[in-house]
C-alpha atoms as a PDB file:
ATOM      1  CA  MET A   1      46.046  27.222  -1.477  1.00  0.00           C
ATOM      2  CA  GLU A   2      48.310  26.186  -4.561  1.00  0.00           C
ATOM      3  CA  HIS A   3      51.611  24.718  -4.399  1.00  0.00           C
ATOM      4  CA  ASN A   4      53.516  24.106  -6.965  1.00  0.00           C
ATOM      5  CA  ALA A   5      57.360  22.749  -7.688  1.00  0.00           C
ATOM      6  CA  LEU A   6      59.622  22.035 -10.653  1.00  0.00           C
ATOM      7  CA  PHE A   7      61.653  18.819 -11.421  1.00  0.00           C
ATOM      8  CA  VAL A   8      64.376  19.737 -13.686  1.00  0.00           C
ATOM      9  CA  GLY A   9      64.534  16.560 -16.078  1.00  0.00           C
ATOM     10  CA  THR A  10      62.456  13.632 -15.042  1.00  0.00           C
ATOM     11  CA  THR A  11      59.814  12.332 -15.801  1.00  0.00           C
ATOM     12  CA  PRO A  12      56.317  12.519 -13.933  1.00  0.00           C
ATOM     13  CA  GLU A  13      56.442   8.331 -14.047  1.00  0.00           C
ATOM     14  CA  VAL A  14      59.613   8.621 -12.431  1.00  0.00           C
ATOM     15  CA  VAL A  15      58.074  10.973  -9.286  1.00  0.00           C
ATOM     16  CA  PHE A  16      54.868   8.480  -8.517  1.00  0.00           C
ATOM     17  CA  ASP A  17      57.837   6.012  -8.245  1.00  0.00           C
ATOM     18  CA  GLU A  18      59.753   7.690  -5.638  1.00  0.00           C
ATOM     19  CA  PHE A  19      56.570   9.294  -3.640  1.00  0.00           C
ATOM     20  CA  THR A  20      54.604   6.198  -3.494  1.00  0.00           C
ATOM     21  CA  SER A  21      58.390   4.279  -2.495  1.00  0.00           C
ATOM     22  CA  PRO A  22      58.500   3.559   1.211  1.00  0.00           C
ATOM     23  CA  ASP A  23      62.354   4.199   1.259  1.00  0.00           C
ATOM     24  CA  PHE A  24      61.162   7.762   0.267  1.00  0.00           C
ATOM     25  CA  LEU A  25      58.076   7.868   2.364  1.00  0.00           C
ATOM     26  CA  ARG A  26      60.856   7.479   5.173  1.00  0.00           C
ATOM     27  CA  ALA A  27      63.743   9.757   3.735  1.00  0.00           C
ATOM     28  CA  PHE A  28      60.632  12.830   3.692  1.00  0.00           C
ATOM     29  CA  SER A  29      59.590  11.782   7.249  1.00  0.00           C
ATOM     30  CA  GLU A  30      63.099  11.857   8.657  1.00  0.00           C
ATOM     31  CA  GLU A  31      63.851  15.331   6.737  1.00  0.00           C
ATOM     32  CA  VAL A  32      60.847  16.938   7.944  1.00  0.00           C
ATOM     33  CA  GLY A  33      61.866  15.915  11.299  1.00  0.00           C
ATOM     34  CA  VAL A  34      59.069  14.114  12.703  1.00  0.00           C
ATOM     35  CA  MET A  35      58.982  10.978  14.662  1.00  0.00           C
ATOM     36  CA  ILE A  36      57.377   8.345  12.652  1.00  0.00           C
ATOM     37  CA  GLY A  37      54.921   5.550  13.150  1.00  0.00           C
ATOM     38  CA  GLU A  38      54.448   2.586  11.089  1.00  0.00           C
ATOM     39  CA  ILE A  39      53.993   3.532   7.335  1.00  0.00           C
ATOM     40  CA  GLU A  40      51.201   1.831   5.754  1.00  0.00           C
ATOM     41  CA  VAL A  41      51.482   1.008   1.987  1.00  0.00           C
ATOM     42  CA  GLY A  42      48.610  -0.244   0.012  1.00  0.00           C
ATOM     43  CA  GLU A  43      47.304  -0.478  -2.947  1.00  0.00           C
ATOM     44  CA  THR A  44      43.675  -0.818  -4.539  1.00  0.00           C
ATOM     45  CA  ASP A  45      42.629  -0.671  -8.547  1.00  0.00           C
ATOM     46  CA  SER A  46      45.858   0.624  -9.470  1.00  0.00           C
ATOM     47  CA  VAL A  47      46.169   3.405  -6.979  1.00  0.00           C
ATOM     48  CA  LEU A  48      49.033   3.946  -4.805  1.00  0.00           C
ATOM     49  CA  SER A  49      48.208   4.966  -0.429  1.00  0.00           C
ATOM     50  CA  ALA A  50      50.237   5.438   2.567  1.00  0.00           C
ATOM     51  CA  MET A  51      49.624   6.806   5.903  1.00  0.00           C
ATOM     52  CA  LEU A  52      52.220   8.082   7.784  1.00  0.00           C
ATOM     53  CA  PRO A  53      51.606   9.207  11.613  1.00  0.00           C
ATOM     54  CA  TRP A  54      54.002  11.803  12.732  1.00  0.00           C
ATOM     55  CA  ASN A  55      54.851  13.675  15.821  1.00  0.00           C
ATOM     56  CA  PHE A  56      56.807  16.451  16.495  1.00  0.00           C
ATOM     57  CA  PRO A  57      57.551  19.928  18.585  1.00  0.00           C
ATOM     58  CA  THR A  58      56.210  23.019  16.360  1.00  0.00           C
ATOM     59  CA  ASN A  59      59.335  24.713  18.203  1.00  0.00           C
ATOM     60  CA  ARG A  60      62.117  22.820  16.088  1.00  0.00           C
ATOM     61  CA  PRO A  61      64.191  24.472  13.706  1.00  0.00           C
ATOM     62  CA  GLY A  62      62.222  25.162  10.451  1.00  0.00           C
ATOM     63  CA  ILE A  63      58.525  25.562  11.455  1.00  0.00           C
ATOM     64  CA  PRO A  64      57.439  28.622  10.660  1.00  0.00           C
ATOM     65  CA  SER A  65      57.171  31.421  13.561  1.00  0.00           C
ATOM     66  CA  LEU A  66      53.381  32.077  12.485  1.00  0.00           C
ATOM     67  CA  ALA A  67      53.094  28.152  12.581  1.00  0.00           C
ATOM     68  CA  GLN A  68      54.381  28.109  16.209  1.00  0.00           C
ATOM     69  CA  LYS A  69      52.045  30.041  17.867  1.00  0.00           C
ATOM     70  CA  MET A  70      49.388  28.878  16.562  1.00  0.00           C
ATOM     71  CA  LEU A  71      49.799  25.357  16.963  1.00  0.00           C
ATOM     72  CA  PRO A  72      49.944  23.109  19.959  1.00  0.00           C
ATOM     73  CA  ALA A  73      53.585  22.413  21.247  1.00  0.00           C
ATOM     74  CA  GLU A  74      53.561  18.804  20.249  1.00  0.00           C
ATOM     75  CA  VAL A  75      51.943  18.465  16.879  1.00  0.00           C
ATOM     76  CA  ASN A  76      50.219  15.012  16.282  1.00  0.00           C
ATOM     77  CA  LEU A  77      49.642  14.316  12.672  1.00  0.00           C
ATOM     78  CA  ASP A  78      48.252  11.613   9.808  1.00  0.00           C
ATOM     79  CA  TRP A  79      49.766  12.317   6.234  1.00  0.00           C
ATOM     80  CA  GLN A  80      47.781   9.978   4.399  1.00  0.00           C
ATOM     81  CA  GLN A  81      48.741  10.629   0.606  1.00  0.00           C
ATOM     82  CA  ARG A  82      46.712   8.584  -3.012  1.00  0.00           C
ATOM     83  CA  TRP A  83      48.913   8.825  -6.241  1.00  0.00           C
ATOM     84  CA  GLY A  84      47.555   6.926  -9.329  1.00  0.00           C
ATOM     85  CA  PRO A  85      46.942   4.913 -11.430  1.00  0.00           C
ATOM     86  CA  ARG A  86      50.246   5.072 -12.790  1.00  0.00           C
ATOM     87  CA  GLN A  87      49.001   6.396 -16.424  1.00  0.00           C
ATOM     88  CA  ALA A  88      50.113   8.700 -19.248  1.00  0.00           C
ATOM     89  CA  PRO A  89      50.329  12.315 -17.667  1.00  0.00           C
ATOM     90  CA  PRO A  90      48.763  13.657 -15.703  1.00  0.00           C
ATOM     91  CA  ILE A  91      49.395  11.697 -12.672  1.00  0.00           C
ATOM     92  CA  PRO A  92      46.602  12.619  -9.944  1.00  0.00           C
ATOM     93  CA  GLY A  93      46.891  12.450  -6.561  1.00  0.00           C
ATOM     94  CA  SER A  94      45.511  13.727  -3.476  1.00  0.00           C
ATOM     95  CA  MET A  95      46.671  14.241   0.164  1.00  0.00           C
ATOM     96  CA  THR A  96      44.749  14.540   3.348  1.00  0.00           C
ATOM     97  CA  VAL A  97      46.558  16.012   6.439  1.00  0.00           C
ATOM     98  CA  LEU A  98      44.677  15.024   9.737  1.00  0.00           C
ATOM     99  CA  LEU A  99      46.503  17.189  12.471  1.00  0.00           C
ATOM    100  CA  HIS A 100      44.662  16.092  15.859  1.00  0.00           C
ATOM    101  CA  GLY A 101      44.842  17.811  19.117  1.00  0.00           C
ATOM    102  CA  LYS A 102      43.325  21.805  19.364  1.00  0.00           C
ATOM    103  CA  PRO A 103      42.830  23.378  17.037  1.00  0.00           C
ATOM    104  CA  SER A 104      41.874  20.261  15.284  1.00  0.00           C
ATOM    105  CA  ALA A 105      42.500  20.727  11.655  1.00  0.00           C
ATOM    106  CA  THR A 106      41.885  19.199   7.912  1.00  0.00           C
ATOM    107  CA  VAL A 107      44.066  19.696   4.993  1.00  0.00           C
ATOM    108  CA  GLN A 108      42.326  18.019   1.823  1.00  0.00           C
ATOM    109  CA  ALA A 109      44.401  18.399  -1.200  1.00  0.00           C
ATOM    110  CA  SER A 110      44.125  16.908  -4.887  1.00  0.00           C
ATOM    111  CA  ALA A 111      47.455  17.074  -6.536  1.00  0.00           C
ATOM    112  CA  SER A 112      48.937  16.092 -10.132  1.00  0.00           C
ATOM    113  CA  LEU A 113      52.052  15.206 -11.814  1.00  0.00           C
ATOM    114  CA  ASP A 114      52.335  16.497 -15.382  1.00  0.00           C
ATOM    115  CA  ALA A 115      54.878  16.588 -18.199  1.00  0.00           C
ATOM    116  CA  SER A 116      56.490  19.724 -19.114  1.00  0.00           C
ATOM    117  CA  GLY A 117      59.112  18.757 -22.130  1.00  0.00           C
ATOM    118  CA  GLU A 118      61.868  16.865 -20.229  1.00  0.00           C
ATOM    119  CA  ASP A 119      60.829  18.411 -16.611  1.00  0.00           C
ATOM    120  CA  THR A 120      57.733  17.569 -14.558  1.00  0.00           C
ATOM    121  CA  VAL A 121      55.421  19.748 -12.680  1.00  0.00           C
ATOM    122  CA  TYR A 122      54.341  19.177  -9.555  1.00  0.00           C
ATOM    123  CA  ARG A 123      50.861  20.856  -8.467  1.00  0.00           C
ATOM    124  CA  VAL A 124      48.657  20.543  -4.813  1.00  0.00           C
ATOM    125  CA  ASP A 125      45.662  22.564  -4.144  1.00  0.00           C
ATOM    126  CA  THR A 126      45.258  22.775  -0.559  1.00  0.00           C
ATOM    127  CA  THR A 127      41.551  23.616   1.277  1.00  0.00           C
ATOM    128  CA  THR A 128      42.490  23.656   5.438  1.00  0.00           C
ATOM    129  CA  LYS A 129      39.124  23.285   7.785  1.00  0.00           C
ATOM    130  CA  THR A 130      39.808  23.747  11.284  1.00  0.00           C
ATOM    131  CA  SER A 131      37.846  23.448  14.663  1.00  0.00           C
ATOM    132  CA  LEU A 132      38.429  26.844  15.804  1.00  0.00           C
ATOM    133  CA  LYS A 133      35.139  29.814  14.696  1.00  0.00           C
ATOM    134  CA  TRP A 134      35.575  32.153  12.800  1.00  0.00           C
ATOM    135  CA  PRO A 135      37.072  34.530  12.444  1.00  0.00           C
ATOM    136  CA  VAL A 136      40.051  33.044  14.206  1.00  0.00           C
ATOM    137  CA  ALA A 137      39.839  30.311  11.692  1.00  0.00           C
ATOM    138  CA  GLY A 138      40.084  31.472   8.462  1.00  0.00           C
ATOM    139  CA  THR A 139      43.870  32.685   9.863  1.00  0.00           C
ATOM    140  CA  VAL A 140      44.925  29.926  11.152  1.00  0.00           C
ATOM    141  CA  GLU A 141      43.748  27.490   7.924  1.00  0.00           C
ATOM    142  CA  SER A 142      45.410  29.955   5.683  1.00  0.00           C
ATOM    143  CA  THR A 143      48.748  29.799   7.880  1.00  0.00           C
ATOM    144  CA  ILE A 144      48.418  25.714   8.029  1.00  0.00           C
ATOM    145  CA  ASP A 145      48.077  26.114   4.420  1.00  0.00           C
ATOM    146  CA  ARG A 146      50.259  28.707   3.272  1.00  0.00           C
ATOM    147  CA  GLU A 147      53.264  27.878   6.472  1.00  0.00           C
ATOM    148  CA  LEU A 148      53.363  24.472   7.699  1.00  0.00           C
ATOM    149  CA  VAL A 149      51.892  22.434   4.369  1.00  0.00           C
ATOM    150  CA  GLY A 150      53.480  24.593   1.993  1.00  0.00           C
ATOM    151  CA  TRP A 151      57.373  24.259   4.047  1.00  0.00           C
ATOM    152  CA  ILE A 152      56.176  20.247   4.169  1.00  0.00           C
ATOM    153  CA  LEU A 153      55.866  20.153   0.662  1.00  0.00           C
ATOM    154  CA  GLN A 154      59.066  22.410  -0.533  1.00  0.00           C
ATOM    155  CA  VAL A 155      61.109  19.676   2.387  1.00  0.00           C
ATOM    156  CA  GLN A 156      59.160  16.964   0.376  1.00  0.00           C
ATOM    157  CA  ALA A 157      60.625  18.849  -3.210  1.00  0.00           C
ATOM    158  CA  ARG A 158      63.692  18.878  -1.785  1.00  0.00           C
ATOM    159  CA  VAL A 159      64.412  15.438  -0.583  1.00  0.00           C
ATOM    160  CA  LEU A 160      63.159  14.066  -4.577  1.00  0.00           C
ATOM    161  CA  ARG A 161      65.879  16.166  -5.794  1.00  0.00           C
ATOM    162  CA  ARG A 162      68.263  15.355  -3.743  1.00  0.00           C
ATOM    163  CA  ARG A 163      67.093  11.252  -4.085  1.00  0.00           C
ATOM    164  CA  LEU A 164      67.472  11.987  -7.974  1.00  0.00           C
ATOM    165  CA  ASP A 165      70.314  14.315  -8.361  1.00  0.00           C
ATOM    166  CA  LEU A 166      67.713  16.841 -10.136  1.00  0.00           C
ATOM    167  CA  PRO A 167      68.807  20.509 -10.364  1.00  0.00           C
ATOM    168  CA  GLU A 168      66.975  23.315  -8.425  1.00  0.00           C
ATOM    169  CA  PRO A 169      64.355  25.180 -11.208  1.00  0.00           C
ATOM    170  CA  SER A 170      66.147  28.249 -11.932  1.00  0.00           C
END
């Protein structure tokens, strides 16, 4: 599933710097409303990586109702992201989200930060696989992609706009 966000009046390099900053990652996690463990940040061959262990109750405000019905009462997941190298746009990225428990799920995502005039386009393409059997698996996988991951990416965009004092796109 494709998710997009537009960051008006900023460059991909500025967004990259935020997305890889421990301060941003902590603010993003807090806005999602999760209990966060130790954020692990590293760099290999100009690719910056971060691992954020999260847990949260699914009955909290902001979690889409369909996701609440399909997920366990307490979600434990690992949000892993990689960005870089920081080069001329598009800057490549990837994410892996591991949802522990029943159902278990793995979300794989490719991402990019690209220039569009004086703005930045953030694109994320996700694919989710669960431990469930077909046909239920298809419904749960699309719900996780659309509802849960989509909501988390909207929160990420909102935190970035607030931190950089960027306007909402029109």
